[in-house]
Full PDB file with SEQRES, HELIX, SHEET, SSBOND, CRYST1, ORIGX, SCALE, CONECT and MASTER records, all heavy atoms in Angstrom:
SEQRES   1 A   33  VAL LEU PRO ILE ALA GLY LYS ILE ASP LEU LYS MET ILE          
SEQRES   2 A   33  SER SER ILE TYR GLU VAL ASN VAL ASN LEU THR ASP ASN          
SEQRES   3 A   33  ASP GLY ASN GLN ILE PHE SER                                  
SHEET    1 AA1 2 LEU A  23  THR A  24  0                                        
SHEET    2 AA1 2 GLN A  30  PHE A  32 -1                                        
CRYST1    1.000    1.000    1.000  90.00  90.00  90.00 P 1           1          
ORIGX1      1.000000  0.000000  0.000000        0.00000                         
ORIGX2      0.000000  1.000000  0.000000        0.00000                         
ORIGX3      0.000000  0.000000  1.000000        0.00000                         
SCALE1      1.000000  0.000000  0.000000        0.00000                         
SCALE2      0.000000  1.000000  0.000000        0.00000                         
SCALE3      0.000000  0.000000  1.000000        0.00000                         
ATOM      1  N   VAL A   1       0.833  -1.160   0.036  1.00  0.00           N  
ATOM      2  CA  VAL A   1       0.037  -0.043  -0.005  1.00  0.00           C  
ATOM      3  C   VAL A   1       0.772   1.227  -0.012  1.00  0.00           C  
ATOM      4  O   VAL A   1       1.683   1.427   0.940  1.00  0.00           O  
ATOM      5  CB  VAL A   1      -0.938  -0.013   1.238  1.00  0.00           C  
ATOM      6  CG1 VAL A   1      -1.769   1.334   1.220  1.00  0.00           C  
ATOM      7  CG2 VAL A   1      -1.930  -1.182   1.142  1.00  0.00           C  
ATOM      8  N   LEU A   2       0.720   2.131  -1.017  1.00  0.00           N  
ATOM      9  CA  LEU A   2       1.543   3.312  -1.165  1.00  0.00           C  
ATOM     10  C   LEU A   2       0.574   4.544  -0.861  1.00  0.00           C  
ATOM     11  O   LEU A   2      -0.201   4.864  -1.645  1.00  0.00           O  
ATOM     12  CB  LEU A   2       2.100   3.460  -2.583  1.00  0.00           C  
ATOM     13  CG  LEU A   2       3.271   4.313  -2.805  1.00  0.00           C  
ATOM     14  CD1 LEU A   2       4.454   3.685  -1.988  1.00  0.00           C  
ATOM     15  CD2 LEU A   2       3.626   4.227  -4.353  1.00  0.00           C  
ATOM     16  N   PRO A   3       0.670   5.132   0.274  1.00  0.00           N  
ATOM     17  CA  PRO A   3      -0.217   6.318   0.704  1.00  0.00           C  
ATOM     18  C   PRO A   3       0.025   7.443  -0.254  1.00  0.00           C  
ATOM     19  O   PRO A   3      -0.995   8.072  -0.556  1.00  0.00           O  
ATOM     20  CB  PRO A   3       0.306   6.639   2.124  1.00  0.00           C  
ATOM     21  CG  PRO A   3       0.870   5.409   2.605  1.00  0.00           C  
ATOM     22  CD  PRO A   3       1.595   4.774   1.401  1.00  0.00           C  
ATOM     23  N   ILE A   4       1.144   7.685  -0.745  1.00  0.00           N  
ATOM     24  CA  ILE A   4       1.424   8.994  -1.621  1.00  0.00           C  
ATOM     25  C   ILE A   4       2.332   8.421  -2.720  1.00  0.00           C  
ATOM     26  O   ILE A   4       3.006   7.464  -2.748  1.00  0.00           O  
ATOM     27  CB  ILE A   4       1.988  10.187  -0.908  1.00  0.00           C  
ATOM     28  CG1 ILE A   4       3.359   9.726  -0.342  1.00  0.00           C  
ATOM     29  CG2 ILE A   4       1.043  10.549   0.144  1.00  0.00           C  
ATOM     30  CD1 ILE A   4       4.037  10.933   0.355  1.00  0.00           C  
ATOM     31  N   ALA A   5       2.257   9.104  -3.993  1.00  0.00           N  
ATOM     32  CA  ALA A   5       3.020   8.769  -5.014  1.00  0.00           C  
ATOM     33  C   ALA A   5       4.500   8.932  -4.701  1.00  0.00           C  
ATOM     34  O   ALA A   5       4.891   9.642  -3.966  1.00  0.00           O  
ATOM     35  CB  ALA A   5       2.611   9.557  -6.253  1.00  0.00           C  
ATOM     36  N   GLY A   6       5.324   7.952  -5.275  1.00  0.00           N  
ATOM     37  CA  GLY A   6       6.731   8.104  -5.239  1.00  0.00           C  
ATOM     38  C   GLY A   6       7.454   6.841  -5.635  1.00  0.00           C  
ATOM     39  O   GLY A   6       6.908   6.045  -6.240  1.00  0.00           O  
ATOM     40  N   LYS A   7       8.723   6.838  -5.242  1.00  0.00           N  
ATOM     41  CA  LYS A   7       9.606   5.749  -5.720  1.00  0.00           C  
ATOM     42  C   LYS A   7       9.595   4.649  -4.508  1.00  0.00           C  
ATOM     43  O   LYS A   7       9.847   5.006  -3.447  1.00  0.00           O  
ATOM     44  CB  LYS A   7      10.920   6.184  -6.150  1.00  0.00           C  
ATOM     45  CG  LYS A   7      11.927   5.144  -6.615  1.00  0.00           C  
ATOM     46  CD  LYS A   7      13.376   5.565  -6.731  1.00  0.00           C  
ATOM     47  CE  LYS A   7      14.024   5.538  -5.338  1.00  0.00           C  
ATOM     48  NZ  LYS A   7      15.521   5.775  -5.605  1.00  0.00           N  
ATOM     49  N   ILE A   8       9.584   3.427  -4.985  1.00  0.00           N  
ATOM     50  CA  ILE A   8       9.809   2.366  -4.147  1.00  0.00           C  
ATOM     51  C   ILE A   8      11.002   1.486  -4.626  1.00  0.00           C  
ATOM     52  O   ILE A   8      11.128   1.491  -5.836  1.00  0.00           O  
ATOM     53  CB  ILE A   8       8.497   1.371  -3.841  1.00  0.00           C  
ATOM     54  CG1 ILE A   8       8.192   0.585  -5.192  1.00  0.00           C  
ATOM     55  CG2 ILE A   8       7.372   2.166  -3.356  1.00  0.00           C  
ATOM     56  CD1 ILE A   8       7.170  -0.450  -4.968  1.00  0.00           C  
ATOM     57  N   ASP A   9      11.614   0.897  -3.774  1.00  0.00           N  
ATOM     58  CA  ASP A   9      12.872  -0.044  -4.090  1.00  0.00           C  
ATOM     59  C   ASP A   9      12.536  -1.380  -3.657  1.00  0.00           C  
ATOM     60  O   ASP A   9      12.342  -1.651  -2.422  1.00  0.00           O  
ATOM     61  CB  ASP A   9      14.118   0.455  -3.549  1.00  0.00           C  
ATOM     62  CG  ASP A   9      14.646   1.684  -4.155  1.00  0.00           C  
ATOM     63  OD1 ASP A   9      15.094   1.711  -5.340  1.00  0.00           O  
ATOM     64  OD2 ASP A   9      14.604   2.813  -3.496  1.00  0.00           O  
ATOM     65  N   LEU A  10      12.428  -2.307  -4.623  1.00  0.00           N  
ATOM     66  CA  LEU A  10      12.193  -3.763  -4.273  1.00  0.00           C  
ATOM     67  C   LEU A  10      13.511  -4.430  -4.279  1.00  0.00           C  
ATOM     68  O   LEU A  10      14.332  -4.280  -5.121  1.00  0.00           O  
ATOM     69  CB  LEU A  10      11.308  -4.301  -5.427  1.00  0.00           C  
ATOM     70  CG  LEU A  10       9.844  -3.969  -5.320  1.00  0.00           C  
ATOM     71  CD1 LEU A  10       9.254  -4.164  -6.787  1.00  0.00           C  
ATOM     72  CD2 LEU A  10       9.013  -4.661  -4.329  1.00  0.00           C  
ATOM     73  N   LYS A  11      13.749  -5.286  -3.245  1.00  0.00           N  
ATOM     74  CA  LYS A  11      14.957  -6.028  -3.215  1.00  0.00           C  
ATOM     75  C   LYS A  11      14.669  -7.397  -2.742  1.00  0.00           C  
ATOM     76  O   LYS A  11      13.968  -7.770  -1.867  1.00  0.00           O  
ATOM     77  CB  LYS A  11      15.874  -5.411  -2.143  1.00  0.00           C  
ATOM     78  CG  LYS A  11      17.321  -6.207  -2.170  1.00  0.00           C  
ATOM     79  CD  LYS A  11      18.214  -5.417  -1.159  1.00  0.00           C  
ATOM     80  CE  LYS A  11      19.556  -6.230  -1.033  1.00  0.00           C  
ATOM     81  NZ  LYS A  11      20.448  -5.533  -0.058  1.00  0.00           N  
ATOM     82  N   MET A  12      15.240  -8.354  -3.583  1.00  0.00           N  
ATOM     83  CA  MET A  12      14.911  -9.830  -3.344  1.00  0.00           C  
ATOM     84  C   MET A  12      16.193 -10.569  -3.453  1.00  0.00           C  
ATOM     85  O   MET A  12      17.133 -10.264  -4.311  1.00  0.00           O  
ATOM     86  CB  MET A  12      13.959 -10.333  -4.516  1.00  0.00           C  
ATOM     87  CG  MET A  12      13.662 -11.764  -4.380  1.00  0.00           C  
ATOM     88  SD  MET A  12      12.555 -12.335  -5.700  1.00  0.00           S  
ATOM     89  CE  MET A  12      12.231 -14.000  -5.218  1.00  0.00           C  
ATOM     90  N   ILE A  13      16.500 -11.498  -2.455  1.00  0.00           N  
ATOM     91  CA  ILE A  13      17.734 -12.275  -2.449  1.00  0.00           C  
ATOM     92  C   ILE A  13      17.196 -13.721  -2.630  1.00  0.00           C  
ATOM     93  O   ILE A  13      16.473 -14.154  -1.623  1.00  0.00           O  
ATOM     94  CB  ILE A  13      18.473 -11.960  -1.245  1.00  0.00           C  
ATOM     95  CG1 ILE A  13      19.044 -10.560  -1.061  1.00  0.00           C  
ATOM     96  CG2 ILE A  13      19.712 -12.972  -1.196  1.00  0.00           C  
ATOM     97  CD1 ILE A  13      19.692 -10.242   0.256  1.00  0.00           C  
ATOM     98  N   SER A  14      17.461 -14.393  -3.749  1.00  0.00           N  
ATOM     99  CA  SER A  14      16.777 -15.644  -3.907  1.00  0.00           C  
ATOM    100  C   SER A  14      17.908 -16.763  -4.120  1.00  0.00           C  
ATOM    101  O   SER A  14      18.915 -16.653  -4.759  1.00  0.00           O  
ATOM    102  CB  SER A  14      16.154 -15.525  -5.320  1.00  0.00           C  
ATOM    103  OG  SER A  14      15.738 -16.807  -5.767  1.00  0.00           O  
ATOM    104  N   SER A  15      17.486 -17.883  -3.450  1.00  0.00           N  
ATOM    105  CA  SER A  15      18.239 -19.174  -3.532  1.00  0.00           C  
ATOM    106  C   SER A  15      17.689 -20.057  -4.668  1.00  0.00           C  
ATOM    107  O   SER A  15      18.104 -21.255  -4.642  1.00  0.00           O  
ATOM    108  CB  SER A  15      18.309 -19.824  -2.208  1.00  0.00           C  
ATOM    109  OG  SER A  15      18.988 -19.109  -1.208  1.00  0.00           O  
ATOM    110  N   ILE A  16      16.760 -19.609  -5.398  1.00  0.00           N  
ATOM    111  CA  ILE A  16      16.007 -20.367  -6.481  1.00  0.00           C  
ATOM    112  C   ILE A  16      16.766 -20.057  -7.779  1.00  0.00           C  
ATOM    113  O   ILE A  16      17.105 -18.991  -8.129  1.00  0.00           O  
ATOM    114  CB  ILE A  16      14.595 -19.879  -6.517  1.00  0.00           C  
ATOM    115  CG1 ILE A  16      13.939 -20.034  -5.179  1.00  0.00           C  
ATOM    116  CG2 ILE A  16      13.844 -20.782  -7.595  1.00  0.00           C  
ATOM    117  CD1 ILE A  16      12.581 -19.408  -5.138  1.00  0.00           C  
ATOM    118  N   TYR A  17      16.998 -21.203  -8.531  1.00  0.00           N  
ATOM    119  CA  TYR A  17      17.809 -21.074  -9.755  1.00  0.00           C  
ATOM    120  C   TYR A  17      17.036 -20.211 -10.753  1.00  0.00           C  
ATOM    121  O   TYR A  17      17.672 -19.372 -11.455  1.00  0.00           O  
ATOM    122  CB  TYR A  17      17.943 -22.443 -10.412  1.00  0.00           C  
ATOM    123  CG  TYR A  17      18.867 -22.491 -11.718  1.00  0.00           C  
ATOM    124  CD1 TYR A  17      20.279 -22.308 -11.530  1.00  0.00           C  
ATOM    125  CD2 TYR A  17      18.277 -22.462 -12.942  1.00  0.00           C  
ATOM    126  CE1 TYR A  17      21.066 -22.258 -12.664  1.00  0.00           C  
ATOM    127  CE2 TYR A  17      19.027 -22.473 -13.952  1.00  0.00           C  
ATOM    128  CZ  TYR A  17      20.432 -22.445 -13.898  1.00  0.00           C  
ATOM    129  OH  TYR A  17      21.197 -22.378 -14.912  1.00  0.00           O  
ATOM    130  N   GLU A  18      15.744 -20.284 -10.897  1.00  0.00           N  
ATOM    131  CA  GLU A  18      14.987 -19.474 -11.736  1.00  0.00           C  
ATOM    132  C   GLU A  18      13.607 -19.358 -11.085  1.00  0.00           C  
ATOM    133  O   GLU A  18      13.002 -20.220 -10.702  1.00  0.00           O  
ATOM    134  CB  GLU A  18      14.702 -20.103 -13.215  1.00  0.00           C  
ATOM    135  CG  GLU A  18      15.943 -19.943 -14.082  1.00  0.00           C  
ATOM    136  CD  GLU A  18      15.580 -20.360 -15.547  1.00  0.00           C  
ATOM    137  OE1 GLU A  18      14.436 -19.839 -15.928  1.00  0.00           O  
ATOM    138  OE2 GLU A  18      16.427 -20.864 -16.221  1.00  0.00           O  
ATOM    139  N   VAL A  19      13.087 -17.970 -11.103  1.00  0.00           N  
ATOM    140  CA  VAL A  19      11.898 -17.623 -10.508  1.00  0.00           C  
ATOM    141  C   VAL A  19      11.241 -16.469 -11.256  1.00  0.00           C  
ATOM    142  O   VAL A  19      11.967 -15.654 -11.713  1.00  0.00           O  
ATOM    143  CB  VAL A  19      11.953 -17.400  -8.936  1.00  0.00           C  
ATOM    144  CG1 VAL A  19      12.778 -16.161  -8.781  1.00  0.00           C  
ATOM    145  CG2 VAL A  19      10.719 -17.364  -8.228  1.00  0.00           C  
ATOM    146  N   ASN A  20       9.915 -16.371 -11.284  1.00  0.00           N  
ATOM    147  CA  ASN A  20       9.235 -15.279 -11.810  1.00  0.00           C  
ATOM    148  C   ASN A  20       8.793 -14.335 -10.735  1.00  0.00           C  
ATOM    149  O   ASN A  20       8.341 -14.700  -9.713  1.00  0.00           O  
ATOM    150  CB  ASN A  20       7.979 -15.633 -12.756  1.00  0.00           C  
ATOM    151  CG  ASN A  20       8.518 -16.461 -13.900  1.00  0.00           C  
ATOM    152  OD1 ASN A  20       9.443 -16.138 -14.536  1.00  0.00           O  
ATOM    153  ND2 ASN A  20       7.735 -17.578 -14.229  1.00  0.00           N  
ATOM    154  N   VAL A  21       8.913 -12.965 -11.085  1.00  0.00           N  
ATOM    155  CA  VAL A  21       8.217 -11.947 -10.222  1.00  0.00           C  
ATOM    156  C   VAL A  21       7.473 -11.041 -11.095  1.00  0.00           C  
ATOM    157  O   VAL A  21       7.908 -10.695 -12.204  1.00  0.00           O  
ATOM    158  CB  VAL A  21       9.382 -11.161  -9.382  1.00  0.00           C  
ATOM    159  CG1 VAL A  21      10.133 -12.156  -8.505  1.00  0.00           C  
ATOM    160  CG2 VAL A  21      10.351 -10.516 -10.319  1.00  0.00           C  
ATOM    161  N   ASN A  22       6.411 -10.523 -10.418  1.00  0.00           N  
ATOM    162  CA  ASN A  22       5.617  -9.474 -11.194  1.00  0.00           C  
ATOM    163  C   ASN A  22       4.813  -8.561 -10.237  1.00  0.00           C  
ATOM    164  O   ASN A  22       4.740  -8.917  -9.053  1.00  0.00           O  
ATOM    165  CB  ASN A  22       4.717 -10.005 -12.337  1.00  0.00           C  
ATOM    166  CG  ASN A  22       3.593 -10.846 -11.664  1.00  0.00           C  
ATOM    167  OD1 ASN A  22       2.866 -10.443 -10.678  1.00  0.00           O  
ATOM    168  ND2 ASN A  22       3.340 -12.017 -12.165  1.00  0.00           N  
ATOM    169  N   LEU A  23       4.571  -7.316 -10.715  1.00  0.00           N  
ATOM    170  CA  LEU A  23       3.899  -6.379  -9.989  1.00  0.00           C  
ATOM    171  C   LEU A  23       2.711  -5.879 -10.748  1.00  0.00           C  
ATOM    172  O   LEU A  23       2.738  -5.619 -11.948  1.00  0.00           O  
ATOM    173  CB  LEU A  23       4.922  -5.195  -9.750  1.00  0.00           C  
ATOM    174  CG  LEU A  23       4.241  -4.053  -8.775  1.00  0.00           C  
ATOM    175  CD1 LEU A  23       4.095  -4.510  -7.334  1.00  0.00           C  
ATOM    176  CD2 LEU A  23       5.080  -2.779  -8.827  1.00  0.00           C  
ATOM    177  N   THR A  24       1.492  -5.834 -10.169  1.00  0.00           N  
ATOM    178  CA  THR A  24       0.286  -5.428 -10.781  1.00  0.00           C  
ATOM    179  C   THR A  24      -0.318  -4.381  -9.899  1.00  0.00           C  
ATOM    180  O   THR A  24      -0.110  -4.393  -8.615  1.00  0.00           O  
ATOM    181  CB  THR A  24      -0.680  -6.587 -11.006  1.00  0.00           C  
ATOM    182  OG1 THR A  24      -1.002  -7.243  -9.716  1.00  0.00           O  
ATOM    183  CG2 THR A  24      -0.024  -7.686 -11.833  1.00  0.00           C  
ATOM    184  N   ASP A  25      -1.223  -3.612 -10.445  1.00  0.00           N  
ATOM    185  CA  ASP A  25      -2.007  -2.612  -9.598  1.00  0.00           C  
ATOM    186  C   ASP A  25      -3.301  -3.289  -9.120  1.00  0.00           C  
ATOM    187  O   ASP A  25      -3.506  -4.427  -9.428  1.00  0.00           O  
ATOM    188  CB  ASP A  25      -2.201  -1.326 -10.389  1.00  0.00           C  
ATOM    189  CG  ASP A  25      -3.046  -1.575 -11.560  1.00  0.00           C  
ATOM    190  OD1 ASP A  25      -3.784  -2.490 -11.773  1.00  0.00           O  
ATOM    191  OD2 ASP A  25      -2.988  -0.615 -12.546  1.00  0.00           O  
ATOM    192  N   ASN A  26      -3.983  -2.448  -8.565  1.00  0.00           N  
ATOM    193  CA  ASN A  26      -5.237  -2.940  -7.846  1.00  0.00           C  
ATOM    194  C   ASN A  26      -6.308  -3.452  -8.865  1.00  0.00           C  
ATOM    195  O   ASN A  26      -7.251  -4.170  -8.549  1.00  0.00           O  
ATOM    196  CB  ASN A  26      -5.871  -1.925  -6.927  1.00  0.00           C  
ATOM    197  CG  ASN A  26      -6.782  -2.512  -5.941  1.00  0.00           C  
ATOM    198  OD1 ASN A  26      -6.638  -3.571  -5.388  1.00  0.00           O  
ATOM    199  ND2 ASN A  26      -7.891  -1.793  -5.724  1.00  0.00           N  
ATOM    200  N   ASP A  27      -6.086  -2.992 -10.176  1.00  0.00           N  
ATOM    201  CA  ASP A  27      -7.050  -3.444 -11.106  1.00  0.00           C  
ATOM    202  C   ASP A  27      -6.539  -4.634 -12.027  1.00  0.00           C  
ATOM    203  O   ASP A  27      -7.259  -4.973 -13.037  1.00  0.00           O  
ATOM    204  CB  ASP A  27      -7.395  -2.236 -12.138  1.00  0.00           C  
ATOM    205  CG  ASP A  27      -8.076  -1.074 -11.361  1.00  0.00           C  
ATOM    206  OD1 ASP A  27      -8.874  -1.410 -10.491  1.00  0.00           O  
ATOM    207  OD2 ASP A  27      -7.665   0.098 -11.693  1.00  0.00           O  
ATOM    208  N   GLY A  28      -5.356  -5.132 -11.658  1.00  0.00           N  
ATOM    209  CA  GLY A  28      -4.824  -6.202 -12.281  1.00  0.00           C  
ATOM    210  C   GLY A  28      -3.876  -5.854 -13.415  1.00  0.00           C  
ATOM    211  O   GLY A  28      -3.388  -6.727 -14.181  1.00  0.00           O  
ATOM    212  N   ASN A  29      -3.728  -4.650 -13.632  1.00  0.00           N  
ATOM    213  CA  ASN A  29      -2.780  -4.085 -14.742  1.00  0.00           C  
ATOM    214  C   ASN A  29      -1.317  -4.533 -14.490  1.00  0.00           C  
ATOM    215  O   ASN A  29      -0.831  -4.062 -13.326  1.00  0.00           O  
ATOM    216  CB  ASN A  29      -2.903  -2.695 -14.944  1.00  0.00           C  
ATOM    217  CG  ASN A  29      -4.393  -2.320 -15.481  1.00  0.00           C  
ATOM    218  OD1 ASN A  29      -4.910  -2.999 -16.396  1.00  0.00           O  
ATOM    219  ND2 ASN A  29      -4.975  -1.328 -14.799  1.00  0.00           N  
ATOM    220  N   GLN A  30      -0.581  -5.095 -15.271  1.00  0.00           N  
ATOM    221  CA  GLN A  30       0.732  -5.441 -14.986  1.00  0.00           C  
ATOM    222  C   GLN A  30       1.805  -4.302 -15.248  1.00  0.00           C  
ATOM    223  O   GLN A  30       1.674  -3.645 -16.117  1.00  0.00           O  
ATOM    224  CB  GLN A  30       1.185  -6.671 -15.858  1.00  0.00           C  
ATOM    225  CG  GLN A  30       2.559  -7.186 -15.623  1.00  0.00           C  
ATOM    226  CD  GLN A  30       2.874  -8.455 -16.383  1.00  0.00           C  
ATOM    227  OE1 GLN A  30       2.461  -9.487 -16.002  1.00  0.00           O  
ATOM    228  NE2 GLN A  30       3.431  -8.265 -17.550  1.00  0.00           N  
ATOM    229  N   ILE A  31       2.601  -4.075 -14.267  1.00  0.00           N  
ATOM    230  CA  ILE A  31       3.570  -2.994 -14.240  1.00  0.00           C  
ATOM    231  C   ILE A  31       4.917  -3.533 -14.762  1.00  0.00           C  
ATOM    232  O   ILE A  31       5.444  -2.927 -15.515  1.00  0.00           O  
ATOM    233  CB  ILE A  31       3.626  -2.301 -12.880  1.00  0.00           C  
ATOM    234  CG1 ILE A  31       2.250  -1.680 -12.472  1.00  0.00           C  
ATOM    235  CG2 ILE A  31       4.767  -1.350 -12.841  1.00  0.00           C  
ATOM    236  CD1 ILE A  31       2.178  -1.255 -11.063  1.00  0.00           C  
ATOM    237  N   PHE A  32       5.248  -4.722 -14.363  1.00  0.00           N  
ATOM    238  CA  PHE A  32       6.347  -5.360 -14.878  1.00  0.00           C  
ATOM    239  C   PHE A  32       6.323  -6.912 -14.507  1.00  0.00           C  
ATOM    240  O   PHE A  32       5.555  -7.348 -13.683  1.00  0.00           O  
ATOM    241  CB  PHE A  32       7.639  -4.804 -14.348  1.00  0.00           C  
ATOM    242  CG  PHE A  32       7.958  -5.033 -12.788  1.00  0.00           C  
ATOM    243  CD1 PHE A  32       8.423  -6.254 -12.448  1.00  0.00           C  
ATOM    244  CD2 PHE A  32       7.748  -4.110 -11.901  1.00  0.00           C  
ATOM    245  CE1 PHE A  32       8.673  -6.587 -11.022  1.00  0.00           C  
ATOM    246  CE2 PHE A  32       8.165  -4.297 -10.519  1.00  0.00           C  
ATOM    247  CZ  PHE A  32       8.485  -5.490 -10.162  1.00  0.00           C  
ATOM    248  N   SER A  33       7.085  -7.665 -15.276  1.00  0.00           N  
ATOM    249  CA  SER A  33       7.223  -9.056 -15.140  1.00  0.00           C  
ATOM    250  C   SER A  33       8.645  -9.423 -15.445  1.00  0.00           C  
ATOM    251  O   SER A  33       9.080  -9.273 -16.663  1.00  0.00           O  
ATOM    252  CB  SER A  33       6.217  -9.900 -15.954  1.00  0.00           C  
ATOM    253  OG  SER A  33       6.366 -11.326 -15.793  1.00  0.00           O  
TER     254      SER A  33                                                      
MASTER        0    0    0    0    2    0    0    6  253    1    0    3          
END                                                                             
């Protein structure tokens, strides 16, 4: 939940050889995959 517009920094440290990540808005629109 982002109260005001701005930049967020996502950081993931994964022990998985290959994994998918994606970000969508509340309406299901994909921002990235």
